[in-house]
């Protein structure tokens, strides 16, 4: 199944298909770390993308194991299609919360009707800017830039603050203890920094 974020502009859900698709496909580092698409399979590793309860060890970057998604059925779930996913993919547009196991959680007792270390992660809201000139024809985009007109709009997103954790960046891995890892030492484009190699190997 795939959770699909709900994006709003001026208080209304975005229904323009082209705009909606473009915003959903933005990387989460441009959407305040709320993913547009969140594929979920029971037993898969996930990362929290915001501080939920730091005193309990539930903070940005905490690793967990996804167990179950609780959601409302919606006609929009059936209508939603995306060629980037298999045709039999179930899209969820109205999730309530995800049940995630956090082995290192500092919660002393079990929550009602839940096993130890399993925490419900609810929907989060974040606001980010999107530059609509990415959708404009090249000549129109240049004209807008020439006239110094702002082409950025404010988008409010509602989504689960989780991302798949089969792989992660060096930045996300800092401070974590991992039993077994595979490190990709291929340097990204740009200046070579020793820290890019030192951090994952330390």
Protein backbone atom coordinates (compact mmCIF):
# COMPACT_ATOMS: atom_id res chain seq x y z
CA UNK A 1 0.00 0.00 0.00
CA UNK A 2 1.03 3.60 -0.54
CA UNK A 3 -0.01 6.55 1.62
CA UNK A 4 -0.61 9.66 -0.47
CA UNK A 5 -0.12 13.06 1.16
CA UNK A 6 -2.95 15.58 1.10
CA UNK A 7 -1.79 18.96 -0.22
CA UNK A 8 -3.73 22.20 0.19
CA UNK A 9 -3.49 25.63 -1.41
CA UNK A 10 -5.37 28.54 0.16
CA UNK A 11 -7.29 26.15 2.37
CA UNK A 12 -8.53 23.92 -0.45
CA UNK A 13 -7.20 20.55 -1.48
CA UNK A 14 -5.28 20.70 -4.76
CA UNK A 15 -7.38 19.10 -7.49
CA UNK A 16 -5.37 20.16 -10.55
CA UNK A 17 -3.87 16.83 -11.62
CA UNK A 18 -0.65 18.22 -13.09
CA UNK A 19 0.09 20.43 -10.10
CA UNK A 20 -0.84 17.69 -7.65
CA UNK A 21 1.39 15.12 -9.33
CA UNK A 22 4.36 17.49 -9.51
CA UNK A 23 4.12 18.41 -5.83
CA UNK A 24 3.65 14.80 -4.72
CA UNK A 25 6.84 13.83 -6.54
CA UNK A 26 8.98 16.48 -4.81
CA UNK A 27 11.79 15.04 -2.66
CA UNK A 28 10.96 15.21 1.05
CA UNK A 29 13.83 17.63 1.70
CA UNK A 30 11.72 20.21 -0.16
CA UNK A 31 8.48 19.43 1.68
CA UNK A 32 9.57 19.80 5.31
CA UNK A 33 10.34 16.06 5.35
CA UNK A 34 6.78 14.90 4.76
CA UNK A 35 6.83 12.54 1.75
CA UNK A 36 4.27 12.79 -1.02
CA UNK A 37 4.22 9.02 -1.44
CA UNK A 38 4.89 6.66 1.46
CA UNK A 39 5.02 2.96 0.49
CA UNK A 40 4.36 0.74 3.50
CA UNK A 41 4.80 -3.00 4.04
CA UNK A 42 4.45 -4.65 7.48
CA UNK A 43 7.88 -5.37 8.91
CA UNK A 44 9.71 -2.71 6.91
CA UNK A 45 12.14 -0.29 8.61
CA UNK A 46 11.09 3.36 8.80
CA UNK A 47 12.51 6.63 10.10
CA UNK A 48 10.69 9.35 12.00
CA UNK A 49 11.08 12.71 10.27
CA UNK A 50 10.11 14.96 13.17
CA UNK A 51 10.30 15.14 16.95
CA UNK A 52 7.29 13.32 18.41
CA UNK A 53 8.38 12.88 22.04
CA UNK A 54 12.09 13.49 22.53
CA UNK A 55 11.90 12.56 26.22
CA UNK A 56 10.87 9.05 25.12
CA UNK A 57 13.50 8.80 22.42
CA UNK A 58 11.02 9.49 19.61
CA UNK A 59 12.80 12.19 17.68
CA UNK A 60 13.74 13.08 14.12
CA UNK A 61 15.83 10.22 12.72
CA UNK A 62 14.64 7.52 15.16
CA UNK A 63 14.42 4.10 13.51
CA UNK A 64 11.37 1.90 13.87
CA UNK A 65 9.55 -1.05 12.32
CA UNK A 66 6.19 -0.48 10.64
CA UNK A 67 3.44 -2.86 11.77
CA UNK A 68 0.04 -1.60 10.68
CA UNK A 69 -1.79 1.33 9.09
CA UNK A 70 -5.17 2.46 10.41
CA UNK A 71 -7.12 4.45 7.83
CA UNK A 72 -10.53 5.41 6.51
CA UNK A 73 -11.78 3.96 3.25
CA UNK A 74 -12.35 6.64 0.63
CA UNK A 75 -13.57 6.72 -2.95
CA UNK A 76 -10.47 8.78 -3.71
CA UNK A 77 -8.34 5.76 -2.80
CA UNK A 78 -9.86 3.82 -5.70
CA UNK A 79 -9.72 6.68 -8.19
CA UNK A 80 -6.09 7.54 -7.51
CA UNK A 81 -3.64 6.06 -10.00
CA UNK A 82 0.06 6.63 -10.67
CA UNK A 83 2.15 4.94 -13.35
CA UNK A 84 5.18 4.85 -11.03
CA UNK A 85 3.50 2.07 -9.03
CA UNK A 86 2.09 -1.34 -10.05
CA UNK A 87 -1.53 -1.36 -11.20
CA UNK A 88 -2.64 -3.38 -8.15
CA UNK A 89 -1.22 -0.84 -5.67
CA UNK A 90 -3.66 0.26 -2.98
CA UNK A 91 -3.46 4.02 -2.46
CA UNK A 92 -4.52 5.42 0.91
CA UNK A 93 -5.47 9.09 1.02
CA UNK A 94 -7.01 9.23 4.50
CA UNK A 95 -4.68 7.50 6.97
CA UNK A 96 -5.39 8.00 10.68
CA UNK A 97 -2.19 6.67 12.20
CA UNK A 98 0.56 4.11 11.73
CA UNK A 99 1.53 1.58 14.39
CA UNK A 100 5.32 1.55 14.58
CA UNK A 101 7.59 -0.44 16.87
CA UNK A 102 10.49 1.55 18.32
CA UNK A 103 12.84 -0.92 20.05
CA UNK A 104 14.77 1.84 21.83
CA UNK A 105 11.72 3.76 23.01
CA UNK A 106 11.93 4.78 26.67
CA UNK A 107 8.21 4.24 27.36
CA UNK A 108 8.06 2.20 30.57
CA UNK A 109 4.61 0.67 30.14
CA UNK A 110 2.53 -0.60 27.25
CA UNK A 111 -0.11 1.62 25.70
CA UNK A 112 -3.70 0.37 25.99
CA UNK A 113 -4.37 -2.58 23.66
CA UNK A 114 -0.90 -2.33 22.10
CA UNK A 115 2.21 -4.46 22.49
CA UNK A 116 5.29 -3.05 24.20
CA UNK A 117 7.29 -0.48 22.23
CA UNK A 118 4.54 -0.04 19.61
CA UNK A 119 3.59 3.62 19.23
CA UNK A 120 0.82 5.18 17.12
CA UNK A 121 2.26 7.84 14.82
CA UNK A 122 -0.39 10.32 13.74
CA UNK A 123 -0.73 12.70 10.80
CA UNK A 124 1.50 15.76 10.78
CA UNK A 125 1.01 19.15 9.09
CA UNK A 126 3.75 21.23 7.51
CA UNK A 127 3.85 24.22 5.17
CA UNK A 128 6.39 24.67 2.39
CA UNK A 129 6.89 26.82 -0.71
CA UNK A 130 6.60 25.53 -4.26
CA UNK A 131 7.78 27.47 -7.32
CA UNK A 132 5.07 27.11 -9.97
CA UNK A 133 7.40 28.31 -12.72
CA UNK A 134 8.49 24.66 -12.94
CA UNK A 135 5.10 24.05 -14.55
CA UNK A 136 5.14 27.10 -16.82
CA UNK A 137 6.27 27.16 -20.42
CA UNK A 138 9.89 28.31 -20.74
CA UNK A 139 9.03 31.69 -22.29
CA UNK A 140 6.40 32.40 -19.60
CA UNK A 141 8.81 31.42 -16.83
CA UNK A 142 11.48 33.75 -18.23
CA UNK A 143 8.96 36.59 -18.49
CA UNK A 144 7.93 36.09 -14.87
CA UNK A 145 11.57 36.19 -13.78
CA UNK A 146 12.23 39.29 -15.89
CA UNK A 147 9.28 41.08 -14.31
CA UNK A 148 10.45 39.93 -10.87
CA UNK A 149 7.04 38.47 -10.15
CA UNK A 150 6.95 35.89 -7.39
CA UNK A 151 5.99 32.47 -8.67
CA UNK A 152 6.13 30.70 -5.31
CA UNK A 153 2.99 29.46 -3.60
CA UNK A 154 2.50 28.19 -0.06
CA UNK A 155 1.42 24.56 0.22
CA UNK A 156 0.11 22.91 3.38
CA UNK A 157 0.72 19.16 3.53
CA UNK A 158 -0.89 16.55 5.76
CA UNK A 159 1.00 13.26 5.88
CA UNK A 160 2.61 10.69 8.16
CA UNK A 161 6.04 11.85 9.40
CA UNK A 162 7.73 8.65 8.26
CA UNK A 163 10.04 7.61 5.43
CA UNK A 164 11.29 4.15 4.38
CA UNK A 165 14.63 3.33 6.00
CA UNK A 166 16.08 0.59 3.83
CA UNK A 167 18.71 3.21 3.05
CA UNK A 168 19.55 6.62 4.49
CA UNK A 169 21.88 9.52 3.96
CA UNK A 170 25.05 10.05 5.97
CA UNK A 171 23.32 12.95 7.70
CA UNK A 172 20.45 10.73 8.91
CA UNK A 173 22.83 8.01 10.11
CA UNK A 174 24.75 10.27 12.50
CA UNK A 175 24.44 9.20 16.13
CA UNK A 176 22.93 5.81 15.31
CA UNK A 177 24.29 2.35 16.14
CA UNK A 178 23.75 -0.01 13.22
CA UNK A 179 24.63 -3.70 13.36
CA UNK A 180 25.35 -4.26 9.67
CA UNK A 181 25.52 -1.69 6.91
CA UNK A 182 26.54 -1.26 3.30
CA UNK A 183 28.12 2.12 2.58
CA UNK A 184 28.03 3.70 -0.86
CA UNK A 185 31.27 5.67 -1.12
CA UNK A 186 30.54 7.07 -4.56
CA UNK A 187 30.91 10.80 -4.10
CA UNK A 188 28.04 13.05 -5.18
CA UNK A 189 28.62 15.82 -7.74
CA UNK A 190 30.46 18.83 -6.40
CA UNK A 191 33.51 19.37 -4.19
CA UNK A 192 34.85 16.26 -2.47
CA UNK A 193 34.62 16.47 1.32
CA UNK A 194 36.52 14.11 3.62
CA UNK A 195 33.61 14.23 6.07
CA UNK A 196 31.42 12.49 3.49
CA UNK A 197 33.56 9.38 3.96
CA UNK A 198 34.60 9.81 7.60
CA UNK A 199 31.10 10.03 9.10
CA UNK A 200 29.66 6.73 7.78
CA UNK A 201 32.88 4.85 8.59
CA UNK A 202 33.23 6.20 12.13
